[in-house]
Amino acid sequence: MRAKEIFEMQAQLCKAMGHPARLEIVHILRDGPRPVNQLAAGTGLSQAALSRHLGALRQVRLVTAQQQGSEHIYQLADPKVGMICDLMRQVLAEQLARQAEMTGTIPRKP
């Protein structure tokens, strides 16, 4: 693949991940496949909203779905996606801790 194509794909992936609900879905799925009803309960999203967000994640191939009976089971297409998100959260938590240290405030848990 050419570098420009990879940058374009990366931009599309970052755009799809640019919503807190989608990040939360990925965070839940990093622990393993989940049926839609568990994702809805874990995120507090309505079925309609959850469906839209899952569609956006499927479009960039971050998640896959399998049907088991009447349920759709979602999982990360690659477990490294969860690792990337965990690493980003660690970076942000460290930034918050440094900011709190500089301002003398106690950081909230991310």
Protein backbone atom coordinates (compact mmCIF):
# COMPACT_ATOMS: atom_id res chain seq x y z
CA MET A 1 0.00 0.00 0.00
CA ARG A 2 1.12 3.48 -0.69
CA ALA A 3 1.70 5.84 2.23
CA LYS A 4 -1.01 8.25 1.03
CA GLU A 5 -3.59 5.45 1.02
CA ILE A 6 -2.63 4.46 4.57
CA PHE A 7 -2.89 8.09 5.73
CA GLU A 8 -6.34 8.33 4.13
CA MET A 9 -7.44 5.11 5.87
CA GLN A 10 -6.00 6.37 9.16
CA ALA A 11 -7.90 9.65 8.81
CA GLN A 12 -11.15 7.76 8.17
CA LEU A 13 -10.51 5.53 11.18
CA CYS A 14 -9.78 8.54 13.42
CA LYS A 15 -12.94 10.25 12.17
CA ALA A 16 -14.98 7.16 13.03
CA MET A 17 -13.40 7.05 16.48
CA GLY A 18 -14.13 10.75 17.00
CA HIS A 19 -17.23 10.18 19.12
CA PRO A 20 -17.16 9.31 22.84
CA ALA A 21 -19.86 6.64 22.42
CA ARG A 22 -17.78 4.84 19.79
CA LEU A 23 -14.74 4.94 22.02
CA GLU A 24 -16.84 3.47 24.82
CA ILE A 25 -18.07 0.68 22.53
CA VAL A 26 -14.49 -0.18 21.59
CA HIS A 27 -13.52 -0.07 25.26
CA ILE A 28 -16.24 -2.60 26.10
CA LEU A 29 -15.38 -4.85 23.15
CA ARG A 30 -11.69 -5.00 24.07
CA ASP A 31 -12.72 -7.54 26.73
CA GLY A 32 -14.32 -9.78 24.12
CA PRO A 33 -17.37 -10.20 21.89
CA ARG A 34 -20.69 -8.83 23.17
CA PRO A 35 -24.28 -9.06 22.00
CA VAL A 36 -26.06 -5.83 21.14
CA ASN A 37 -28.19 -5.88 24.29
CA GLN A 38 -25.04 -5.94 26.48
CA LEU A 39 -23.52 -3.09 24.48
CA ALA A 40 -26.72 -1.09 24.91
CA ALA A 41 -26.74 -1.75 28.67
CA GLY A 42 -23.03 -0.95 29.00
CA THR A 43 -23.23 2.33 27.12
CA GLY A 44 -26.75 3.47 28.02
CA LEU A 45 -27.44 4.13 24.35
CA SER A 46 -30.77 3.47 22.70
CA GLN A 47 -30.90 0.65 20.13
CA ALA A 48 -31.15 3.22 17.33
CA ALA A 49 -28.15 5.26 18.51
CA LEU A 50 -26.11 2.13 19.18
CA SER A 51 -26.92 0.82 15.71
CA ARG A 52 -25.68 4.05 14.10
CA HIS A 53 -22.42 3.97 16.04
CA LEU A 54 -21.83 0.28 15.33
CA GLY A 55 -22.48 0.99 11.65
CA ALA A 56 -19.81 3.70 11.64
CA LEU A 57 -17.34 1.32 13.31
CA ARG A 58 -18.19 -1.46 10.87
CA GLN A 59 -17.75 0.88 7.91
CA VAL A 60 -14.07 1.41 8.78
CA ARG A 61 -13.70 -2.27 9.68
CA LEU A 62 -13.00 -1.72 13.39
CA VAL A 63 -15.71 -4.15 14.46
CA THR A 64 -17.29 -7.24 12.97
CA ALA A 65 -20.63 -8.84 13.66
CA GLN A 66 -21.90 -12.39 13.63
CA GLN A 67 -25.46 -13.49 13.99
CA GLN A 68 -26.18 -16.17 16.59
CA GLY A 69 -29.83 -17.04 16.51
CA SER A 70 -31.70 -13.77 16.76
CA GLU A 71 -28.74 -11.89 18.28
CA HIS A 72 -25.93 -9.98 16.65
CA ILE A 73 -22.60 -10.45 18.42
CA TYR A 74 -20.01 -7.72 17.91
CA GLN A 75 -16.28 -7.94 18.40
CA LEU A 76 -13.19 -5.94 17.55
CA ALA A 77 -11.85 -6.83 14.13
CA ASP A 78 -8.35 -6.79 15.62
CA PRO A 79 -7.50 -6.87 19.36
CA LYS A 80 -4.72 -4.33 18.73
CA VAL A 81 -7.45 -1.67 18.37
CA GLY A 82 -8.30 -2.13 22.04
CA MET A 83 -4.62 -1.95 22.94
CA ILE A 84 -4.26 1.30 20.99
CA CYS A 85 -7.24 2.82 22.82
CA ASP A 86 -5.86 1.68 26.19
CA LEU A 87 -2.52 3.27 25.36
CA MET A 88 -4.21 6.53 24.37
CA ARG A 89 -6.16 6.55 27.65
CA GLN A 90 -2.87 6.05 29.55
CA VAL A 91 -1.31 9.00 27.72
CA LEU A 92 -4.32 11.17 28.55
CA ALA A 93 -4.36 10.07 32.20
CA GLU A 94 -0.68 11.01 32.46
CA GLN A 95 -1.41 14.40 30.91
CA LEU A 96 -4.19 14.98 33.45
CA ALA A 97 -1.87 13.97 36.29
CA ARG A 98 0.84 16.38 35.09
CA GLN A 99 -1.73 19.14 34.71
CA ALA A 100 -3.05 18.48 38.21
CA GLU A 101 0.48 18.51 39.59
CA MET A 102 1.14 21.87 37.99
CA THR A 103 -2.12 23.40 39.19
CA GLY A 104 -2.26 21.66 42.55
CA THR A 105 -5.61 19.97 41.87
CA ILE A 106 -6.54 16.32 42.25
CA PRO A 107 -7.22 14.63 38.89
CA ARG A 108 -10.40 12.63 38.29
CA LYS A 109 -10.11 9.01 37.18
CA PRO A 110 -10.56 8.79 33.39
